[in-house]
N, C-alpha and C. Protein backbone atom coordinates (compact mmCIF):
# COMPACT_ATOMS: atom_id res chain seq x y z
N MET A 1 102.55 180.28 26.36
CA MET A 1 101.36 179.94 27.09
C MET A 1 101.85 179.17 28.37
N GLN A 2 101.29 179.64 29.56
CA GLN A 2 101.66 179.12 30.83
C GLN A 2 100.73 177.96 31.25
N HIS A 3 101.31 176.88 31.63
CA HIS A 3 100.60 175.70 32.04
C HIS A 3 100.02 175.90 33.56
N TYR A 4 98.82 175.67 33.80
CA TYR A 4 98.15 175.89 34.99
C TYR A 4 97.84 174.56 35.70
N ASP A 5 98.42 174.34 36.98
CA ASP A 5 98.11 173.12 37.61
C ASP A 5 96.95 173.37 38.58
N ARG A 6 95.92 172.59 38.47
CA ARG A 6 94.70 172.72 39.37
C ARG A 6 95.03 172.03 40.58
N THR A 7 94.45 172.57 41.64
CA THR A 7 94.68 172.03 43.03
C THR A 7 93.38 171.34 43.53
N SER A 8 93.61 170.58 44.59
CA SER A 8 92.36 169.92 45.15
C SER A 8 91.42 170.95 45.78
N TYR A 9 92.02 172.05 46.24
CA TYR A 9 91.22 173.13 46.83
C TYR A 9 90.24 173.63 45.67
N GLU A 10 90.76 173.86 44.48
CA GLU A 10 89.91 174.39 43.41
C GLU A 10 88.87 173.34 42.96
N ALA A 11 89.25 172.07 43.01
CA ALA A 11 88.22 171.05 42.72
C ALA A 11 87.13 170.92 43.68
N ILE A 12 87.50 171.16 44.90
CA ILE A 12 86.51 171.22 46.08
C ILE A 12 85.60 172.42 45.90
N LEU A 13 86.13 173.54 45.50
CA LEU A 13 85.34 174.74 45.20
C LEU A 13 84.33 174.41 44.09
N ASP A 14 84.77 173.70 43.09
CA ASP A 14 83.74 173.26 42.06
C ASP A 14 82.64 172.36 42.50
N VAL A 15 83.03 171.51 43.53
CA VAL A 15 81.94 170.71 44.13
C VAL A 15 81.00 171.63 44.93
N ARG A 16 81.52 172.53 45.68
CA ARG A 16 80.73 173.43 46.43
C ARG A 16 79.86 174.34 45.50
N TYR A 17 80.30 174.74 44.37
CA TYR A 17 79.61 175.47 43.33
C TYR A 17 78.34 174.61 43.01
N ASN A 18 78.53 173.40 42.65
CA ASN A 18 77.49 172.48 42.20
C ASN A 18 76.44 172.37 43.30
N ILE A 19 76.89 172.26 44.51
CA ILE A 19 75.93 172.17 45.69
C ILE A 19 75.04 173.42 45.64
N ARG A 20 75.72 174.54 45.52
CA ARG A 20 75.00 175.87 45.66
C ARG A 20 74.04 175.97 44.41
N LEU A 21 74.51 175.61 43.25
CA LEU A 21 73.74 175.70 41.98
C LEU A 21 72.43 174.87 42.20
N HIS A 22 72.52 173.64 42.69
CA HIS A 22 71.39 172.83 42.84
C HIS A 22 70.57 173.32 44.01
N GLN A 23 71.13 173.90 45.04
CA GLN A 23 70.30 174.40 46.11
C GLN A 23 69.44 175.49 45.55
N LEU A 24 69.98 176.43 44.83
CA LEU A 24 69.28 177.60 44.21
C LEU A 24 68.23 177.09 43.29
N SER A 25 68.47 176.02 42.53
CA SER A 25 67.61 175.43 41.53
C SER A 25 66.36 174.83 42.25
N CYS A 26 66.66 174.10 43.28
CA CYS A 26 65.56 173.57 44.15
C CYS A 26 64.62 174.66 44.60
N ARG A 27 65.10 175.72 45.17
CA ARG A 27 64.37 176.82 45.69
C ARG A 27 63.63 177.57 44.47
N TYR A 28 64.27 177.68 43.33
CA TYR A 28 63.66 178.24 42.25
C TYR A 28 62.38 177.50 41.77
N TYR A 29 62.50 176.21 41.60
CA TYR A 29 61.38 175.42 41.19
C TYR A 29 60.29 175.39 42.35
N ALA A 30 60.63 175.37 43.57
CA ALA A 30 59.62 175.43 44.62
C ALA A 30 58.92 176.67 44.64
N ARG A 31 59.62 177.83 44.35
CA ARG A 31 58.97 179.16 44.31
C ARG A 31 58.12 179.31 43.13
N LEU A 32 58.47 178.78 42.00
CA LEU A 32 57.61 178.87 40.80
C LEU A 32 56.31 178.12 41.14
N ARG A 33 56.37 176.97 41.70
CA ARG A 33 55.24 176.26 42.10
C ARG A 33 54.31 177.01 43.05
N TRP A 34 54.99 177.64 44.02
CA TRP A 34 54.24 178.41 44.94
C TRP A 34 53.53 179.61 44.26
N ILE A 35 54.22 180.32 43.43
CA ILE A 35 53.62 181.49 42.69
C ILE A 35 52.45 180.92 41.85
N ALA A 36 52.55 179.87 41.17
CA ALA A 36 51.46 179.26 40.38
C ALA A 36 50.36 178.87 41.22
N ALA A 37 50.68 178.28 42.38
CA ALA A 37 49.51 177.87 43.28
C ALA A 37 48.77 179.06 43.81
N VAL A 38 49.47 180.09 44.31
CA VAL A 38 48.84 181.35 44.83
C VAL A 38 48.00 181.94 43.71
N ALA A 39 48.53 182.16 42.53
CA ALA A 39 47.85 182.76 41.44
C ALA A 39 46.53 181.97 41.18
N SER A 40 46.61 180.61 41.11
CA SER A 40 45.50 179.86 40.87
C SER A 40 44.40 179.98 41.99
N LEU A 41 44.88 179.91 43.21
CA LEU A 41 43.94 180.06 44.42
C LEU A 41 43.31 181.43 44.38
N VAL A 42 44.05 182.45 44.22
CA VAL A 42 43.50 183.84 44.24
C VAL A 42 42.51 183.99 43.10
N ALA A 43 42.96 183.71 41.88
CA ALA A 43 42.15 183.87 40.72
C ALA A 43 40.88 183.08 40.69
N GLY A 44 41.00 181.91 41.25
CA GLY A 44 39.87 180.96 41.25
C GLY A 44 39.03 180.93 42.52
N SER A 45 39.27 181.84 43.41
CA SER A 45 38.58 181.81 44.66
C SER A 45 37.07 182.27 44.47
N GLY A 46 36.17 181.65 45.15
CA GLY A 46 34.83 182.00 45.04
C GLY A 46 34.48 183.47 45.43
N ALA A 47 35.13 183.97 46.50
CA ALA A 47 34.95 185.27 46.89
C ALA A 47 35.26 186.19 45.91
N LEU A 48 36.45 186.01 45.22
CA LEU A 48 36.88 186.96 44.18
C LEU A 48 35.91 186.89 42.97
N VAL A 49 35.42 185.67 42.63
CA VAL A 49 34.57 185.60 41.52
C VAL A 49 33.18 186.27 41.88
N GLY A 50 32.70 186.14 43.06
CA GLY A 50 31.48 186.80 43.49
C GLY A 50 31.62 188.30 43.38
N ALA A 51 32.66 188.85 43.79
CA ALA A 51 32.96 190.28 43.80
C ALA A 51 33.08 190.76 42.37
N LEU A 52 33.56 189.97 41.44
CA LEU A 52 33.85 190.44 40.12
C LEU A 52 32.82 189.98 39.07
N GLN A 53 31.74 189.48 39.52
CA GLN A 53 30.74 188.92 38.55
C GLN A 53 30.10 189.97 37.61
N ARG A 54 30.18 191.23 38.03
CA ARG A 54 29.51 192.34 37.29
C ARG A 54 30.46 192.69 36.17
N MET A 55 31.69 192.33 36.22
CA MET A 55 32.73 192.63 35.12
C MET A 55 33.04 191.31 34.42
N PRO A 56 32.36 191.06 33.39
CA PRO A 56 32.71 189.71 32.65
C PRO A 56 34.11 189.60 32.13
N PHE A 57 34.77 190.60 31.83
CA PHE A 57 36.20 190.52 31.36
C PHE A 57 37.06 190.03 32.46
N THR A 58 36.87 190.54 33.71
CA THR A 58 37.72 190.08 34.81
C THR A 58 37.54 188.61 35.19
N LEU A 59 36.32 188.20 35.05
CA LEU A 59 36.12 186.71 35.24
C LEU A 59 36.82 185.87 34.19
N THR A 60 36.82 186.34 32.96
CA THR A 60 37.56 185.61 31.87
C THR A 60 39.01 185.71 32.21
N ALA A 61 39.56 186.83 32.62
CA ALA A 61 40.93 186.92 32.90
C ALA A 61 41.32 186.07 34.08
N CYS A 62 40.46 185.92 35.13
CA CYS A 62 40.82 185.09 36.26
C CYS A 62 40.73 183.64 35.79
N GLY A 63 39.87 183.19 34.83
CA GLY A 63 39.89 181.94 34.28
C GLY A 63 41.17 181.64 33.62
N ILE A 64 41.64 182.60 32.82
CA ILE A 64 42.90 182.35 32.03
C ILE A 64 44.04 182.24 33.11
N VAL A 65 44.08 183.05 34.09
CA VAL A 65 45.13 183.02 35.00
C VAL A 65 45.21 181.59 35.66
N VAL A 66 44.04 181.02 36.09
CA VAL A 66 44.01 179.72 36.72
C VAL A 66 44.51 178.66 35.63
N ALA A 67 44.01 178.71 34.34
CA ALA A 67 44.39 177.81 33.42
C ALA A 67 45.89 177.81 33.13
N VAL A 68 46.43 179.05 32.89
CA VAL A 68 47.76 179.19 32.59
C VAL A 68 48.70 178.81 33.70
N ALA A 69 48.40 179.08 34.91
CA ALA A 69 49.20 178.70 36.12
C ALA A 69 49.32 177.28 36.28
N SER A 70 48.06 176.58 36.14
CA SER A 70 47.91 175.15 36.29
C SER A 70 48.76 174.44 35.12
N ALA A 71 48.59 174.95 33.90
CA ALA A 71 49.28 174.37 32.73
C ALA A 71 50.73 174.50 32.88
N ALA A 72 51.19 175.68 33.30
CA ALA A 72 52.66 175.97 33.46
C ALA A 72 53.26 174.87 34.42
N ASP A 73 52.52 174.72 35.53
CA ASP A 73 53.14 173.83 36.51
C ASP A 73 53.11 172.42 36.05
N ILE A 74 52.13 171.94 35.32
CA ILE A 74 52.13 170.62 34.82
C ILE A 74 53.15 170.43 33.70
N VAL A 75 53.11 171.35 32.71
CA VAL A 75 53.90 171.22 31.56
C VAL A 75 55.40 171.50 31.97
N GLY A 76 55.63 172.43 32.84
CA GLY A 76 56.94 172.72 33.39
C GLY A 76 57.58 171.66 34.14
N GLY A 77 56.76 170.80 34.69
CA GLY A 77 57.32 169.70 35.60
C GLY A 77 58.15 170.26 36.76
N TRP A 78 57.75 171.34 37.32
CA TRP A 78 58.61 171.98 38.34
C TRP A 78 58.81 171.08 39.57
N ALA A 79 57.79 170.35 39.92
CA ALA A 79 58.04 169.36 41.14
C ALA A 79 59.10 168.34 40.84
N GLU A 80 59.07 167.77 39.62
CA GLU A 80 60.04 166.76 39.22
C GLU A 80 61.40 167.38 39.14
N LYS A 81 61.51 168.53 38.52
CA LYS A 81 62.72 169.13 38.31
C LYS A 81 63.37 169.52 39.69
N GLY A 82 62.59 170.03 40.56
CA GLY A 82 63.08 170.37 41.89
C GLY A 82 63.58 169.05 42.68
N ALA A 83 62.88 167.96 42.44
CA ALA A 83 63.31 166.73 43.05
C ALA A 83 64.67 166.27 42.50
N LYS A 84 64.81 166.46 41.12
CA LYS A 84 66.12 166.04 40.60
C LYS A 84 67.20 166.87 41.06
N HIS A 85 67.01 168.14 41.19
CA HIS A 85 68.07 169.01 41.71
C HIS A 85 68.34 168.67 43.16
N GLN A 86 67.41 168.36 43.97
CA GLN A 86 67.66 167.87 45.31
C GLN A 86 68.50 166.65 45.33
N MET A 87 68.18 165.72 44.42
CA MET A 87 69.00 164.57 44.34
C MET A 87 70.51 164.80 43.99
N TRP A 88 70.66 165.73 42.98
CA TRP A 88 71.94 166.13 42.67
C TRP A 88 72.73 166.90 43.75
N ARG A 89 71.99 167.68 44.44
CA ARG A 89 72.62 168.42 45.60
C ARG A 89 73.13 167.43 46.66
N VAL A 90 72.32 166.34 46.99
CA VAL A 90 72.74 165.42 47.94
C VAL A 90 73.95 164.64 47.40
N ALA A 91 74.00 164.27 46.08
CA ALA A 91 75.11 163.62 45.47
C ALA A 91 76.41 164.36 45.62
N PHE A 92 76.28 165.66 45.32
CA PHE A 92 77.44 166.58 45.33
C PHE A 92 77.85 166.76 46.82
N SER A 93 76.93 166.81 47.72
CA SER A 93 77.26 167.00 49.10
C SER A 93 78.01 165.68 49.64
N ASP A 94 77.58 164.56 49.18
CA ASP A 94 78.27 163.34 49.51
C ASP A 94 79.72 163.30 49.01
N LEU A 95 79.93 163.91 47.85
CA LEU A 95 81.30 164.01 47.31
C LEU A 95 82.19 165.00 48.08
N LEU A 96 81.46 166.06 48.51
CA LEU A 96 82.20 167.08 49.39
C LEU A 96 82.72 166.48 50.68
N VAL A 97 81.94 165.59 51.22
CA VAL A 97 82.22 164.90 52.54
C VAL A 97 83.53 163.99 52.22
N ARG A 98 83.47 163.32 51.14
CA ARG A 98 84.57 162.35 50.78
C ARG A 98 85.82 163.03 50.19
N ALA A 99 85.64 164.25 49.58
CA ALA A 99 86.70 164.87 48.83
C ALA A 99 88.00 165.11 49.64
N PRO A 100 88.05 165.56 50.91
CA PRO A 100 89.32 165.82 51.58
C PRO A 100 90.22 164.62 51.66
N LYS A 101 89.62 163.45 51.59
CA LYS A 101 90.44 162.24 51.71
C LYS A 101 90.82 161.61 50.40
N MET A 102 90.39 162.32 49.25
CA MET A 102 90.58 161.84 47.91
C MET A 102 91.81 162.60 47.26
N ALA A 103 92.38 161.94 46.36
CA ALA A 103 93.42 162.57 45.50
C ALA A 103 92.77 163.43 44.46
N LEU A 104 93.44 164.39 43.87
CA LEU A 104 92.86 165.33 42.97
C LEU A 104 92.25 164.58 41.75
N ASP A 105 92.87 163.60 41.17
CA ASP A 105 92.34 162.88 40.06
C ASP A 105 91.06 162.20 40.43
N GLU A 106 90.89 161.71 41.62
CA GLU A 106 89.65 161.03 42.02
C GLU A 106 88.55 162.02 42.28
N ILE A 107 88.83 163.21 42.72
CA ILE A 107 87.81 164.24 42.87
C ILE A 107 87.38 164.63 41.49
N GLU A 108 88.33 164.82 40.64
CA GLU A 108 87.95 165.23 39.24
C GLU A 108 87.08 164.20 38.51
N GLU A 109 87.51 162.94 38.70
CA GLU A 109 86.70 161.87 38.03
C GLU A 109 85.22 161.84 38.67
N SER A 110 85.14 161.83 39.95
CA SER A 110 83.90 161.91 40.65
C SER A 110 82.96 163.10 40.10
N LEU A 111 83.71 164.20 40.12
CA LEU A 111 82.95 165.45 39.65
C LEU A 111 82.47 165.35 38.25
N ALA A 112 83.29 164.75 37.38
CA ALA A 112 82.92 164.60 35.98
C ALA A 112 81.77 163.60 35.91
N ARG A 113 81.80 162.48 36.66
CA ARG A 113 80.69 161.54 36.62
C ARG A 113 79.36 162.17 37.05
N LEU A 114 79.37 162.97 38.13
CA LEU A 114 78.29 163.61 38.59
C LEU A 114 77.74 164.65 37.63
N ASP A 115 78.64 165.41 37.08
CA ASP A 115 78.25 166.42 36.14
C ASP A 115 77.63 165.84 34.97
N GLY A 116 78.03 164.64 34.64
CA GLY A 116 77.47 163.98 33.44
C GLY A 116 75.98 163.52 33.62
N THR A 117 75.52 163.49 34.90
CA THR A 117 74.19 163.07 35.12
C THR A 117 73.26 164.28 35.18
N VAL A 118 73.79 165.47 35.28
CA VAL A 118 72.94 166.68 35.28
C VAL A 118 72.47 167.00 33.88
N ASP A 119 71.14 167.02 33.71
CA ASP A 119 70.68 167.30 32.40
C ASP A 119 69.71 168.54 32.37
N ASP A 120 69.61 169.22 33.50
CA ASP A 120 68.64 170.31 33.61
C ASP A 120 69.21 171.47 34.50
N GLU A 121 70.08 172.25 33.96
CA GLU A 121 70.64 173.34 34.74
C GLU A 121 69.81 174.64 34.39
N VAL A 122 69.55 175.45 35.37
CA VAL A 122 68.97 176.79 35.18
C VAL A 122 70.09 177.74 34.91
N GLU A 123 70.17 178.09 33.52
CA GLU A 123 71.27 178.86 33.11
C GLU A 123 71.43 180.09 33.98
N GLY A 124 70.35 180.76 34.20
CA GLY A 124 70.34 182.12 34.93
C GLY A 124 70.76 182.02 36.29
N LEU A 125 70.87 180.78 36.90
CA LEU A 125 71.41 180.69 38.26
C LEU A 125 72.88 180.32 38.37
N ARG A 126 73.59 180.12 37.30
CA ARG A 126 74.97 179.78 37.31
C ARG A 126 75.73 180.79 37.91
N LEU A 127 75.65 182.10 37.40
CA LEU A 127 76.54 183.17 37.97
C LEU A 127 76.17 183.42 39.46
N PRO A 128 74.91 183.48 39.82
CA PRO A 128 74.69 183.61 41.24
C PRO A 128 75.18 182.61 42.11
N ALA A 129 75.13 181.33 41.61
CA ALA A 129 75.76 180.19 42.46
C ALA A 129 77.32 180.44 42.47
N TYR A 130 77.85 180.79 41.38
CA TYR A 130 79.28 181.00 41.26
C TYR A 130 79.73 182.01 42.28
N ASN A 131 79.06 183.16 42.32
CA ASN A 131 79.41 184.26 43.17
C ASN A 131 79.13 183.81 44.70
N ASP A 132 78.02 183.23 44.94
CA ASP A 132 77.73 182.75 46.30
C ASP A 132 78.89 181.82 46.87
N ASN A 133 79.30 180.88 45.93
CA ASN A 133 80.36 179.94 46.25
C ASN A 133 81.62 180.69 46.60
N LEU A 134 82.04 181.71 45.77
CA LEU A 134 83.22 182.44 46.14
C LEU A 134 83.14 183.26 47.35
N ARG A 135 81.99 183.82 47.54
CA ARG A 135 81.84 184.73 48.65
C ARG A 135 81.94 183.88 49.94
N SER A 136 81.19 182.75 50.04
CA SER A 136 81.23 181.89 51.17
C SER A 136 82.48 181.30 51.42
N ASN A 137 83.50 181.27 50.51
CA ASN A 137 84.81 180.69 50.64
C ASN A 137 85.92 181.80 50.68
N GLY A 138 85.47 183.01 50.86
CA GLY A 138 86.34 184.15 51.12
C GLY A 138 87.15 184.63 49.93
N ARG A 139 86.54 184.34 48.76
CA ARG A 139 87.25 184.70 47.47
C ARG A 139 86.50 185.83 46.72
N LEU A 140 86.36 186.90 47.40
CA LEU A 140 85.57 188.07 46.86
C LEU A 140 86.23 188.63 45.70
N ASP A 141 87.55 188.45 45.52
CA ASP A 141 88.37 189.05 44.40
C ASP A 141 87.97 188.38 43.14
N PHE A 142 87.33 187.27 43.06
CA PHE A 142 87.03 186.61 41.79
C PHE A 142 85.43 186.69 41.41
N THR A 143 84.67 187.34 42.30
CA THR A 143 83.26 187.46 41.93
C THR A 143 83.05 188.29 40.74
N LYS A 144 81.98 188.04 40.02
CA LYS A 144 81.62 188.71 38.84
C LYS A 144 80.31 189.54 38.97
N ALA A 145 80.27 190.67 38.23
CA ALA A 145 79.05 191.46 38.21
C ALA A 145 77.91 190.59 37.68
N GLU A 146 76.72 190.71 38.31
CA GLU A 146 75.63 189.93 37.78
C GLU A 146 74.66 190.80 36.95
N PRO A 147 74.37 190.38 35.74
CA PRO A 147 73.49 191.11 34.84
C PRO A 147 72.07 191.06 35.47
N LEU A 148 71.24 191.83 34.95
CA LEU A 148 69.79 191.93 35.34
C LEU A 148 69.15 190.50 35.36
N ARG A 149 69.35 189.82 34.33
CA ARG A 149 68.72 188.44 34.33
C ARG A 149 69.15 187.53 35.48
N SER A 150 70.39 187.54 35.85
CA SER A 150 70.84 186.81 36.91
C SER A 150 70.33 187.30 38.27
N ARG A 151 70.25 188.59 38.38
CA ARG A 151 69.68 189.22 39.67
C ARG A 151 68.19 188.85 39.76
N LEU A 152 67.46 188.83 38.71
CA LEU A 152 66.08 188.41 38.75
C LEU A 152 65.97 186.98 39.15
N MET A 153 66.78 186.17 38.56
CA MET A 153 66.66 184.68 38.88
C MET A 153 67.13 184.49 40.37
N ARG A 154 68.08 185.18 40.82
CA ARG A 154 68.41 185.11 42.23
C ARG A 154 67.21 185.58 43.17
N MET A 155 66.57 186.52 42.66
CA MET A 155 65.47 187.04 43.54
C MET A 155 64.36 186.06 43.60
N ILE A 156 64.12 185.32 42.56
CA ILE A 156 63.12 184.23 42.56
C ILE A 156 63.60 183.07 43.41
N ALA A 157 64.80 182.70 43.29
CA ALA A 157 65.43 181.52 43.95
C ALA A 157 65.82 181.99 45.39
């Protein structure tokens, strides 16, 4: 078995990966809230209700859409989750600014401390963030194929 020595460059790539992951997560939660708000507004609009009043089923369906969209936003806590990811993005960005002046073990320690505070990762955004990070740093040779789930999550984010 060969021993692999990690470099500061690789540790900084990990910091950049975390920044991108939290950036995508912020956008993901903001867009979920936007989708829920638009669905609620459209389904609950008076003009739509007036046009559909002759079809009782559609009125019921619109009511369900409004209730589900509102409940999903409240129960999902998308605003709070987005704010937490913004906070983590700022913390990792601060580390990125300090990292070039730090020794590898200091970067690793700071990275581990920050990673320990993250308690809400969007699993489907990990691979898109990983690939984005590698592409933006000229490392196309290490990118991985994204499965359908990851592509869908990227599309939302």
